[in-house]
Amino acid sequence: MRIVVTPSLALSAARQAVEDVLRAIDAACSRFRMDSEIAQINIAPEVEHKVSPLLALALGVALDAARRTDGAVDPTVGGAVRLLGYDRDFDLLPPAGQPIRLRPSRVPGWQSLRFDARRRLIWLPRGVEVDLGATAKALAADLAAEAALAAGSAGVLVSLGGDIAVRGQAPPCGWQIQVCEDSGAPIADGEEAITIAAGGLATSSTTVRRWRRGELELHHIIDPSNGLPAGGRWRTVTVAAHSCVAANTASTEAIVRGDGAVTSLRAARLPARLVDREGSIVRLGGWPARALRSA
């Protein structure tokens, strides 16, 4: 997690506001905590559940992403991800394990969920596991940035891994953000960078969260059409949009779509940077030619 605020004196209050949001999102949306709201729902199918306002918001965001992407970003991939071995926080996931056999199988699909946003009620059919990971972290970045702004910052940038949200007054030259495949890489002069003034930036990549089961090397971005790690043309996609949720939805969709990503991103008129499996870079929607980060 990285937080940058103006003025710097507002950092302490901003950090507290961000941490409060992250704790709330974790309690509502984490599939790795058995006491989280979504975990309790996943283990009790075919029952109508009343959810908190925050989980209702997260579910609404996830289902909206599914609709907008025609199911390419789908919250019912939970079972598929678990069967691939991603069943705990990634930091606790063994990097290697016993062999598994991959069996292509379409995920149940977001249409299988019955969700009443007004009444905050959700019903899951048996065999469906909801995983909000594709959108919940981006939502957390957006909410955290808004909370930090409300806590007294004039301008704020919140970075949660590959999900970045900015709010309020940007610095005179904008928020300069290093762009790379590993969001945990140290910030360094000479790396490619982009400047944004508002909204969000998200990077989805198949190169970072990887683990092995036998001879198979796996990653966490699932193609809902077959329930397997996406195997398309792009290994990393970064998108800028009006919010971090919108950017993350588009970047995840692009990884899943593969060759179709260029068409969908152009249609959405979103600035994007796509890196293929060989490392070649395609820039779309006004994404600037390579610019280097400066001190």
C-alpha atoms as a PDB file:
ATOM      1  CA  MET A   1       0.000   0.000   0.000  1.00  0.00           C
ATOM      2  CA  ARG A   2       1.225   3.479  -0.880  1.00  0.00           C
ATOM      3  CA  ILE A   3      -0.420   6.763   0.059  1.00  0.00           C
ATOM      4  CA  VAL A   4       0.639  10.190  -1.200  1.00  0.00           C
ATOM      5  CA  VAL A   5      -1.188  13.309  -0.025  1.00  0.00           C
ATOM      6  CA  THR A   6      -1.011  17.053  -0.284  1.00  0.00           C
ATOM      7  CA  PRO A   7      -0.304  18.705   2.028  1.00  0.00           C
ATOM      8  CA  SER A   8       2.038  16.183   3.643  1.00  0.00           C
ATOM      9  CA  LEU A   9       0.763  17.157   7.102  1.00  0.00           C
ATOM     10  CA  ALA A  10      -2.499  15.379   6.222  1.00  0.00           C
ATOM     11  CA  LEU A  11      -0.756  12.010   5.840  1.00  0.00           C
ATOM     12  CA  SER A  12      -1.490  10.631   9.308  1.00  0.00           C
ATOM     13  CA  ALA A  13      -5.242  11.248   9.066  1.00  0.00           C
ATOM     14  CA  ALA A  14      -5.285   9.984   5.487  1.00  0.00           C
ATOM     15  CA  ARG A  15      -3.507   6.756   6.428  1.00  0.00           C
ATOM     16  CA  GLN A  16      -5.988   6.099   9.227  1.00  0.00           C
ATOM     17  CA  ALA A  17      -8.909   6.679   6.854  1.00  0.00           C
ATOM     18  CA  VAL A  18      -7.416   4.339   4.250  1.00  0.00           C
ATOM     19  CA  GLU A  19      -6.717   1.607   6.798  1.00  0.00           C
ATOM     20  CA  ASP A  20     -10.306   1.832   8.067  1.00  0.00           C
ATOM     21  CA  VAL A  21     -11.611   1.273   4.532  1.00  0.00           C
ATOM     22  CA  LEU A  22      -9.286  -1.663   3.919  1.00  0.00           C
ATOM     23  CA  ARG A  23     -10.320  -3.366   7.162  1.00  0.00           C
ATOM     24  CA  ALA A  24     -13.980  -2.987   6.239  1.00  0.00           C
ATOM     25  CA  ILE A  25     -13.460  -4.316   2.702  1.00  0.00           C
ATOM     26  CA  ASP A  26     -11.516  -7.297   4.045  1.00  0.00           C
ATOM     27  CA  ALA A  27     -14.253  -8.151   6.542  1.00  0.00           C
ATOM     28  CA  ALA A  28     -16.897  -7.964   3.831  1.00  0.00           C
ATOM     29  CA  CYS A  29     -15.184  -9.350   0.740  1.00  0.00           C
ATOM     30  CA  SER A  30     -12.236 -11.618   1.589  1.00  0.00           C
ATOM     31  CA  ARG A  31     -12.722 -15.222   0.485  1.00  0.00           C
ATOM     32  CA  PHE A  32      -9.718 -16.188   2.614  1.00  0.00           C
ATOM     33  CA  ARG A  33     -11.341 -15.268   5.940  1.00  0.00           C
ATOM     34  CA  MET A  34     -13.951 -17.734   7.105  1.00  0.00           C
ATOM     35  CA  ASP A  35     -15.570 -14.979   9.176  1.00  0.00           C
ATOM     36  CA  SER A  36     -15.983 -12.592   6.226  1.00  0.00           C
ATOM     37  CA  GLU A  37     -19.446 -11.905   4.891  1.00  0.00           C
ATOM     38  CA  ILE A  38     -18.755 -13.380   1.463  1.00  0.00           C
ATOM     39  CA  ALA A  39     -17.164 -16.532   2.906  1.00  0.00           C
ATOM     40  CA  GLN A  40     -20.230 -17.137   5.061  1.00  0.00           C
ATOM     41  CA  ILE A  41     -22.468 -16.720   2.034  1.00  0.00           C
ATOM     42  CA  ASN A  42     -20.341 -19.087  -0.059  1.00  0.00           C
ATOM     43  CA  ILE A  43     -20.711 -21.903   2.477  1.00  0.00           C
ATOM     44  CA  ALA A  44     -24.477 -21.459   2.772  1.00  0.00           C
ATOM     45  CA  PRO A  45     -25.994 -21.709  -0.736  1.00  0.00           C
ATOM     46  CA  GLU A  46     -29.682 -21.749  -1.563  1.00  0.00           C
ATOM     47  CA  VAL A  47     -30.397 -19.403   1.329  1.00  0.00           C
ATOM     48  CA  GLU A  48     -31.300 -15.732   1.016  1.00  0.00           C
ATOM     49  CA  HIS A  49     -28.728 -13.574   2.809  1.00  0.00           C
ATOM     50  CA  LYS A  50     -29.090  -9.981   3.967  1.00  0.00           C
ATOM     51  CA  VAL A  51     -25.766  -8.241   3.390  1.00  0.00           C
ATOM     52  CA  SER A  52     -24.146  -5.085   4.724  1.00  0.00           C
ATOM     53  CA  PRO A  53     -24.258  -1.868   2.696  1.00  0.00           C
ATOM     54  CA  LEU A  54     -20.554  -2.283   1.864  1.00  0.00           C
ATOM     55  CA  LEU A  55     -20.901  -5.844   0.587  1.00  0.00           C
ATOM     56  CA  ALA A  56     -24.004  -4.806  -1.342  1.00  0.00           C
ATOM     57  CA  LEU A  57     -21.932  -2.089  -3.002  1.00  0.00           C
ATOM     58  CA  ALA A  58     -19.134  -4.562  -3.806  1.00  0.00           C
ATOM     59  CA  LEU A  59     -21.580  -7.098  -5.231  1.00  0.00           C
ATOM     60  CA  GLY A  60     -23.244  -4.427  -7.333  1.00  0.00           C
ATOM     61  CA  VAL A  61     -19.859  -3.312  -8.685  1.00  0.00           C
ATOM     62  CA  ALA A  62     -18.884  -6.915  -9.514  1.00  0.00           C
ATOM     63  CA  LEU A  63     -22.152  -7.661 -11.290  1.00  0.00           C
ATOM     64  CA  ASP A  64     -21.991  -4.387 -13.204  1.00  0.00           C
ATOM     65  CA  ALA A  65     -18.475  -5.317 -14.375  1.00  0.00           C
ATOM     66  CA  ALA A  66     -19.796  -8.707 -15.505  1.00  0.00           C
ATOM     67  CA  ARG A  67     -22.613  -7.085 -17.484  1.00  0.00           C
ATOM     68  CA  ARG A  68     -20.342  -4.503 -19.089  1.00  0.00           C
ATOM     69  CA  THR A  69     -17.803  -7.142 -20.163  1.00  0.00           C
ATOM     70  CA  ASP A  70     -20.375  -9.720 -21.251  1.00  0.00           C
ATOM     71  CA  GLY A  71     -19.103 -12.075 -18.569  1.00  0.00           C
ATOM     72  CA  ALA A  72     -15.357 -11.751 -19.209  1.00  0.00           C
ATOM     73  CA  VAL A  73     -14.986 -10.389 -15.665  1.00  0.00           C
ATOM     74  CA  ASP A  74     -17.202 -12.741 -13.652  1.00  0.00           C
ATOM     75  CA  PRO A  75     -17.539 -13.020  -9.840  1.00  0.00           C
ATOM     76  CA  THR A  76     -18.483 -16.723  -9.982  1.00  0.00           C
ATOM     77  CA  VAL A  77     -14.899 -17.858 -10.664  1.00  0.00           C
ATOM     78  CA  GLY A  78     -14.343 -18.625  -6.973  1.00  0.00           C
ATOM     79  CA  GLY A  79     -14.598 -22.375  -7.331  1.00  0.00           C
ATOM     80  CA  ALA A  80     -12.286 -22.422 -10.342  1.00  0.00           C
ATOM     81  CA  VAL A  81      -9.616 -20.391  -8.546  1.00  0.00           C
ATOM     82  CA  ARG A  82      -9.819 -22.623  -5.477  1.00  0.00           C
ATOM     83  CA  LEU A  83      -9.444 -25.803  -7.536  1.00  0.00           C
ATOM     84  CA  LEU A  84      -6.273 -24.346  -9.061  1.00  0.00           C
ATOM     85  CA  GLY A  85      -4.810 -24.101  -5.574  1.00  0.00           C
ATOM     86  CA  TYR A  86      -5.303 -20.390  -4.870  1.00  0.00           C
ATOM     87  CA  ASP A  87      -7.150 -20.935  -1.605  1.00  0.00           C
ATOM     88  CA  ARG A  88      -5.414 -18.527   0.796  1.00  0.00           C
ATOM     89  CA  ASP A  89      -3.707 -15.135   0.839  1.00  0.00           C
ATOM     90  CA  PHE A  90      -1.073 -15.207  -1.878  1.00  0.00           C
ATOM     91  CA  ASP A  91       1.743 -14.557   0.600  1.00  0.00           C
ATOM     92  CA  LEU A  92       0.792 -17.832   2.321  1.00  0.00           C
ATOM     93  CA  LEU A  93       0.378 -19.832  -0.885  1.00  0.00           C
ATOM     94  CA  PRO A  94       3.056 -22.516  -1.406  1.00  0.00           C
ATOM     95  CA  PRO A  95       4.954 -21.677  -4.608  1.00  0.00           C
ATOM     96  CA  ALA A  96       4.900 -25.355  -5.628  1.00  0.00           C
ATOM     97  CA  GLY A  97       2.630 -28.293  -4.858  1.00  0.00           C
ATOM     98  CA  GLN A  98       1.286 -31.651  -5.926  1.00  0.00           C
ATOM     99  CA  PRO A  99       0.271 -32.109  -9.581  1.00  0.00           C
ATOM    100  CA  ILE A 100      -3.303 -31.323 -10.554  1.00  0.00           C
ATOM    101  CA  ARG A 101      -5.244 -32.097 -13.722  1.00  0.00           C
ATOM    102  CA  LEU A 102      -6.811 -29.163 -15.499  1.00  0.00           C
ATOM    103  CA  ARG A 103     -10.359 -29.819 -16.674  1.00  0.00           C
ATOM    104  CA  PRO A 104     -11.882 -27.006 -18.755  1.00  0.00           C
ATOM    105  CA  SER A 105     -15.333 -26.136 -17.436  1.00  0.00           C
ATOM    106  CA  ARG A 106     -17.278 -22.904 -17.854  1.00  0.00           C
ATOM    107  CA  VAL A 107     -17.887 -21.152 -14.531  1.00  0.00           C
ATOM    108  CA  PRO A 108     -21.529 -20.967 -13.370  1.00  0.00           C
ATOM    109  CA  GLY A 109     -21.863 -17.374 -14.576  1.00  0.00           C
ATOM    110  CA  TRP A 110     -22.923 -14.132 -12.932  1.00  0.00           C
ATOM    111  CA  GLN A 111     -26.511 -14.588 -14.141  1.00  0.00           C
ATOM    112  CA  SER A 112     -26.845 -17.491 -11.694  1.00  0.00           C
ATOM    113  CA  LEU A 113     -26.762 -15.064  -8.747  1.00  0.00           C
ATOM    114  CA  ARG A 114     -29.991 -13.533  -7.494  1.00  0.00           C
ATOM    115  CA  PHE A 115     -29.186 -10.133  -6.070  1.00  0.00           C
ATOM    116  CA  ASP A 116     -31.653  -7.482  -4.958  1.00  0.00           C
ATOM    117  CA  ALA A 117     -29.560  -4.327  -4.545  1.00  0.00           C
ATOM    118  CA  ARG A 118     -32.393  -2.267  -3.042  1.00  0.00           C
ATOM    119  CA  ARG A 119     -33.160  -4.826  -0.330  1.00  0.00           C
ATOM    120  CA  ARG A 120     -29.498  -5.960  -0.054  1.00  0.00           C
ATOM    121  CA  LEU A 121     -30.426  -9.622  -0.504  1.00  0.00           C
ATOM    122  CA  ILE A 122     -28.394 -12.286  -2.311  1.00  0.00           C
ATOM    123  CA  TRP A 123     -29.054 -15.943  -3.112  1.00  0.00           C
ATOM    124  CA  LEU A 124     -26.468 -18.362  -4.531  1.00  0.00           C
ATOM    125  CA  PRO A 125     -27.260 -21.697  -6.177  1.00  0.00           C
ATOM    126  CA  ARG A 126     -25.435 -24.738  -4.881  1.00  0.00           C
ATOM    127  CA  GLY A 127     -21.971 -25.131  -6.410  1.00  0.00           C
ATOM    128  CA  VAL A 128     -21.370 -21.399  -6.889  1.00  0.00           C
ATOM    129  CA  GLU A 129     -18.546 -19.600  -5.072  1.00  0.00           C
ATOM    130  CA  VAL A 130     -18.317 -15.844  -5.358  1.00  0.00           C
ATOM    131  CA  ASP A 131     -14.863 -14.282  -5.677  1.00  0.00           C
ATOM    132  CA  LEU A 132     -14.892 -10.481  -5.680  1.00  0.00           C
ATOM    133  CA  GLY A 133     -11.140 -10.189  -6.148  1.00  0.00           C
ATOM    134  CA  ALA A 134     -11.326  -8.844  -9.696  1.00  0.00           C
ATOM    135  CA  THR A 135     -13.172  -5.709  -8.608  1.00  0.00           C
ATOM    136  CA  ALA A 136     -13.079  -5.448  -4.791  1.00  0.00           C
ATOM    137  CA  LYS A 137      -9.467  -4.255  -4.575  1.00  0.00           C
ATOM    138  CA  ALA A 138     -10.121  -1.570  -7.172  1.00  0.00           C
ATOM    139  CA  LEU A 139     -13.257  -0.543  -5.281  1.00  0.00           C
ATOM    140  CA  ALA A 140     -11.164  -0.398  -2.105  1.00  0.00           C
ATOM    141  CA  ALA A 141      -8.713   1.963  -3.817  1.00  0.00           C
ATOM    142  CA  ASP A 142     -11.536   4.258  -4.942  1.00  0.00           C
ATOM    143  CA  LEU A 143     -13.215   4.274  -1.511  1.00  0.00           C
ATOM    144  CA  ALA A 144      -9.906   4.711   0.303  1.00  0.00           C
ATOM    145  CA  ALA A 145      -8.942   7.707  -1.821  1.00  0.00           C
ATOM    146  CA  GLU A 146     -12.329   9.292  -1.166  1.00  0.00           C
ATOM    147  CA  ALA A 147     -11.986   8.638   2.569  1.00  0.00           C
ATOM    148  CA  ALA A 148      -8.497  10.152   2.650  1.00  0.00           C
ATOM    149  CA  LEU A 149      -9.764  13.222   0.838  1.00  0.00           C
ATOM    150  CA  ALA A 150     -12.607  13.576   3.339  1.00  0.00           C
ATOM    151  CA  ALA A 151     -10.082  13.273   6.189  1.00  0.00           C
ATOM    152  CA  GLY A 152      -8.504  16.557   5.181  1.00  0.00           C
ATOM    153  CA  SER A 153      -6.213  15.976   2.236  1.00  0.00           C
ATOM    154  CA  ALA A 154      -6.282  18.476  -0.611  1.00  0.00           C
ATOM    155  CA  GLY A 155      -5.168  15.774  -3.024  1.00  0.00           C
ATOM    156  CA  VAL A 156      -4.518  12.070  -2.579  1.00  0.00           C
ATOM    157  CA  LEU A 157      -3.138   9.049  -4.397  1.00  0.00           C
ATOM    158  CA  VAL A 158      -3.797   5.544  -3.035  1.00  0.00           C
ATOM    159  CA  SER A 159      -2.014   2.560  -4.568  1.00  0.00           C
ATOM    160  CA  LEU A 160      -3.067  -0.976  -3.634  1.00  0.00           C
ATOM    161  CA  GLY A 161      -0.790  -3.160  -5.691  1.00  0.00           C
ATOM    162  CA  GLY A 162      -1.764  -2.630  -9.307  1.00  0.00           C
ATOM    163  CA  ASP A 163      -4.868  -0.585  -8.431  1.00  0.00           C
ATOM    164  CA  ILE A 164      -4.438   3.177  -8.095  1.00  0.00           C
ATOM    165  CA  ALA A 165      -7.009   5.867  -7.359  1.00  0.00           C
ATOM    166  CA  VAL A 166      -6.485   9.630  -7.176  1.00  0.00           C
ATOM    167  CA  ARG A 167      -8.852  12.246  -5.814  1.00  0.00           C
ATOM    168  CA  GLY A 168      -8.869  15.958  -5.133  1.00  0.00           C
ATOM    169  CA  GLN A 169      -6.329  18.473  -6.365  1.00  0.00           C
ATOM    170  CA  ALA A 170      -3.498  16.944  -8.357  1.00  0.00           C
ATOM    171  CA  PRO A 171       0.067  18.310  -8.116  1.00  0.00           C
ATOM    172  CA  PRO A 172       0.868  21.012 -10.724  1.00  0.00           C
ATOM    173  CA  CYS A 173       2.282  18.438 -13.159  1.00  0.00           C
ATOM    174  CA  GLY A 174      -0.217  15.715 -12.253  1.00  0.00           C
ATOM    175  CA  TRP A 175       0.315  12.438 -10.427  1.00  0.00           C
ATOM    176  CA  GLN A 176       3.337  10.717 -11.950  1.00  0.00           C
ATOM    177  CA  ILE A 177       2.954   6.929 -11.777  1.00  0.00           C
ATOM    178  CA  GLN A 178       5.558   4.324 -12.621  1.00  0.00           C
ATOM    179  CA  VAL A 179       4.241   1.691 -15.024  1.00  0.00           C
ATOM    180  CA  CYS A 180       5.635  -1.824 -14.851  1.00  0.00           C
ATOM    181  CA  GLU A 181       4.491  -5.416 -14.689  1.00  0.00           C
ATOM    182  CA  ASP A 182       5.253  -5.849 -10.993  1.00  0.00           C
ATOM    183  CA  SER A 183       3.427  -3.223  -8.948  1.00  0.00           C
ATOM    184  CA  GLY A 184       5.721  -4.052  -6.030  1.00  0.00           C
ATOM    185  CA  ALA A 185       8.845  -2.982  -7.904  1.00  0.00           C
ATOM    186  CA  PRO A 186      10.769  -0.126  -6.249  1.00  0.00           C
ATOM    187  CA  ILE A 187      10.099   3.321  -7.659  1.00  0.00           C
ATOM    188  CA  ALA A 188      13.135   4.288  -9.705  1.00  0.00           C
ATOM    189  CA  ASP A 189      14.196   7.007 -12.098  1.00  0.00           C
ATOM    190  CA  GLY A 190      14.445   5.825 -15.678  1.00  0.00           C
ATOM    191  CA  GLU A 191      11.369   3.564 -15.504  1.00  0.00           C
ATOM    192  CA  GLU A 192       8.410   4.192 -17.814  1.00  0.00           C
ATOM    193  CA  ALA A 193       5.807   6.480 -16.272  1.00  0.00           C
ATOM    194  CA  ILE A 194       2.470   8.088 -17.006  1.00  0.00           C
ATOM    195  CA  THR A 195       0.847  11.183 -15.496  1.00  0.00           C
ATOM    196  CA  ILE A 196      -2.833  11.361 -14.543  1.00  0.00           C
ATOM    197  CA  ALA A 197      -4.811  14.144 -12.874  1.00  0.00           C
ATOM    198  CA  ALA A 198      -7.975  12.295 -11.837  1.00  0.00           C
ATOM    199  CA  GLY A 199      -9.680   8.907 -11.775  1.00  0.00           C
ATOM    200  CA  GLY A 200      -7.762   5.676 -11.620  1.00  0.00           C
ATOM    201  CA  LEU A 201      -5.140   3.439 -13.154  1.00  0.00           C
ATOM    202  CA  ALA A 202      -5.071  -0.357 -12.990  1.00  0.00           C
ATOM    203  CA  THR A 203      -2.624  -3.023 -14.105  1.00  0.00           C
ATOM    204  CA  SER A 204      -3.624  -6.660 -14.591  1.00  0.00           C
ATOM    205  CA  SER A 205      -0.816  -9.133 -15.164  1.00  0.00           C
ATOM    206  CA  THR A 206      -0.285 -12.867 -15.477  1.00  0.00           C
ATOM    207  CA  THR A 207       3.417 -12.549 -14.635  1.00  0.00           C
ATOM    208  CA  VAL A 208       3.392 -11.794 -10.904  1.00  0.00           C
ATOM    209  CA  ARG A 209       0.912 -13.948  -8.975  1.00  0.00           C
ATOM    210  CA  ARG A 210       2.085 -17.330 -10.204  1.00  0.00           C
ATOM    211  CA  TRP A 211       2.470 -20.749  -8.570  1.00  0.00           C
ATOM    212  CA  ARG A 212       3.228 -24.298  -9.672  1.00  0.00           C
ATOM    213  CA  ARG A 213       1.286 -27.504  -9.249  1.00  0.00           C
ATOM    214  CA  GLY A 214       3.432 -30.314 -10.579  1.00  0.00           C
ATOM    215  CA  GLU A 215       4.703 -29.201 -13.989  1.00  0.00           C
ATOM    216  CA  LEU A 216       1.905 -26.651 -14.438  1.00  0.00           C
ATOM    217  CA  GLU A 217       2.592 -22.960 -13.883  1.00  0.00           C
ATOM    218  CA  LEU A 218      -0.612 -21.138 -13.007  1.00  0.00           C
ATOM    219  CA  HIS A 219      -1.819 -17.596 -12.463  1.00  0.00           C
ATOM    220  CA  HIS A 220      -4.850 -15.921 -10.899  1.00  0.00           C
ATOM    221  CA  ILE A 221      -6.722 -14.339 -13.840  1.00  0.00           C
ATOM    222  CA  ILE A 222      -9.412 -16.821 -14.848  1.00  0.00           C
ATOM    223  CA  ASP A 223     -11.124 -17.128 -18.215  1.00  0.00           C
ATOM    224  CA  PRO A 224     -14.762 -17.729 -17.248  1.00  0.00           C
ATOM    225  CA  SER A 225     -15.415 -19.569 -20.526  1.00  0.00           C
ATOM    226  CA  ASN A 226     -13.269 -22.525 -19.412  1.00  0.00           C
ATOM    227  CA  GLY A 227     -12.439 -21.930 -15.742  1.00  0.00           C
ATOM    228  CA  LEU A 228      -8.696 -21.958 -16.439  1.00  0.00           C
ATOM    229  CA  PRO A 229      -5.961 -19.295 -16.237  1.00  0.00           C
ATOM    230  CA  ALA A 230      -6.348 -16.929 -19.190  1.00  0.00           C
ATOM    231  CA  GLY A 231      -3.951 -17.931 -21.947  1.00  0.00           C
ATOM    232  CA  GLY A 232      -4.387 -15.162 -24.467  1.00  0.00           C
ATOM    233  CA  ARG A 233      -1.974 -12.829 -26.200  1.00  0.00           C
ATOM    234  CA  TRP A 234      -1.383 -10.298 -23.427  1.00  0.00           C
ATOM    235  CA  ARG A 235       0.625 -10.863 -20.259  1.00  0.00           C
ATOM    236  CA  THR A 236       0.137  -7.373 -18.803  1.00  0.00           C
ATOM    237  CA  VAL A 237      -2.418  -4.628 -19.452  1.00  0.00           C
ATOM    238  CA  THR A 238      -2.573  -1.181 -17.835  1.00  0.00           C
ATOM    239  CA  VAL A 239      -5.626   1.061 -18.324  1.00  0.00           C
ATOM    240  CA  ALA A 240      -6.525   4.595 -17.226  1.00  0.00           C
ATOM    241  CA  ALA A 241     -10.188   5.449 -16.630  1.00  0.00           C
ATOM    242  CA  HIS A 242     -12.537   7.683 -14.641  1.00  0.00           C
ATOM    243  CA  SER A 243     -12.245   5.354 -11.634  1.00  0.00           C
ATOM    244  CA  CYS A 244     -10.012   2.536 -10.494  1.00  0.00           C
ATOM    245  CA  VAL A 245     -12.940   0.112 -10.782  1.00  0.00           C
ATOM    246  CA  ALA A 246     -13.474   1.058 -14.434  1.00  0.00           C
ATOM    247  CA  ALA A 247      -9.733   0.776 -15.153  1.00  0.00           C
ATOM    248  CA  ASN A 248      -9.443  -2.611 -13.434  1.00  0.00           C
ATOM    249  CA  THR A 249     -12.518  -3.978 -15.179  1.00  0.00           C
ATOM    250  CA  ALA A 250     -11.056  -3.012 -18.558  1.00  0.00           C
ATOM    251  CA  SER A 251      -7.555  -4.335 -17.830  1.00  0.00           C
ATOM    252  CA  THR A 252      -8.857  -7.671 -16.548  1.00  0.00           C
ATOM    253  CA  GLU A 253     -11.213  -7.994 -19.504  1.00  0.00           C
ATOM    254  CA  ALA A 254      -8.311  -7.351 -21.870  1.00  0.00           C
ATOM    255  CA  ILE A 255      -6.250 -10.187 -20.377  1.00  0.00           C
ATOM    256  CA  VAL A 256      -9.211 -12.554 -20.762  1.00  0.00           C
ATOM    257  CA  ARG A 257     -10.185 -11.365 -24.260  1.00  0.00           C
ATOM    258  CA  GLY A 258      -6.706 -11.770 -25.722  1.00  0.00           C
ATOM    259  CA  ASP A 259      -6.770 -10.762 -29.389  1.00  0.00           C
ATOM    260  CA  GLY A 260     -10.173  -9.105 -28.936  1.00  0.00           C
ATOM    261  CA  ALA A 261      -8.846  -6.693 -26.322  1.00  0.00           C
ATOM    262  CA  VAL A 262      -7.624  -4.077 -28.795  1.00  0.00           C
ATOM    263  CA  THR A 263     -11.068  -3.774 -30.352  1.00  0.00           C
ATOM    264  CA  SER A 264     -12.864  -3.481 -26.998  1.00  0.00           C
ATOM    265  CA  LEU A 265     -10.413  -0.933 -25.604  1.00  0.00           C
ATOM    266  CA  ARG A 266     -10.606   1.192 -28.741  1.00  0.00           C
ATOM    267  CA  ALA A 267     -14.392   1.070 -28.616  1.00  0.00           C
ATOM    268  CA  ALA A 268     -14.284   2.243 -24.985  1.00  0.00           C
ATOM    269  CA  ARG A 269     -11.760   4.994 -25.898  1.00  0.00           C
ATOM    270  CA  LEU A 270      -9.621   4.144 -22.895  1.00  0.00           C
ATOM    271  CA  PRO A 271      -5.894   4.886 -22.767  1.00  0.00           C
ATOM    272  CA  ALA A 272      -4.149   1.530 -22.426  1.00  0.00           C
ATOM    273  CA  ARG A 273      -0.729  -0.095 -22.542  1.00  0.00           C
ATOM    274  CA  LEU A 274      -0.633  -3.792 -23.479  1.00  0.00           C
ATOM    275  CA  VAL A 275       2.404  -6.065 -23.229  1.00  0.00           C
ATOM    276  CA  ASP A 276       2.316  -9.330 -25.162  1.00  0.00           C
ATOM    277  CA  ARG A 277       3.988 -12.603 -24.231  1.00  0.00           C
ATOM    278  CA  GLU A 278       7.182 -11.654 -26.057  1.00  0.00           C
ATOM    279  CA  GLY A 279       7.401  -8.256 -24.370  1.00  0.00           C
ATOM    280  CA  SER A 280       6.234  -6.136 -27.311  1.00  0.00           C
ATOM    281  CA  ILE A 281       4.164  -3.123 -26.254  1.00  0.00           C
ATOM    282  CA  VAL A 282       1.021  -1.732 -27.866  1.00  0.00           C
ATOM    283  CA  ARG A 283      -0.270   1.685 -26.768  1.00  0.00           C
ATOM    284  CA  LEU A 284      -3.872   2.696 -27.401  1.00  0.00           C
ATOM    285  CA  GLY A 285      -6.282   5.561 -26.809  1.00  0.00           C
ATOM    286  CA  GLY A 286      -3.711   8.304 -26.517  1.00  0.00           C
ATOM    287  CA  TRP A 287      -1.414   6.447 -24.138  1.00  0.00           C
ATOM    288  CA  PRO A 288       1.843   8.386 -24.500  1.00  0.00           C
ATOM    289  CA  ALA A 289       4.960   7.022 -26.122  1.00  0.00           C
ATOM    290  CA  ARG A 290       7.509   5.778 -23.625  1.00  0.00           C
ATOM    291  CA  ALA A 291       8.184   8.488 -21.070  1.00  0.00           C
ATOM    292  CA  LEU A 292      10.731   8.005 -18.304  1.00  0.00           C
ATOM    293  CA  ARG A 293      10.065   8.713 -14.674  1.00  0.00           C
ATOM    294  CA  SER A 294      12.008  11.669 -13.334  1.00  0.00           C
ATOM    295  CA  ALA A 295      12.804  12.675  -9.778  1.00  0.00           C
END
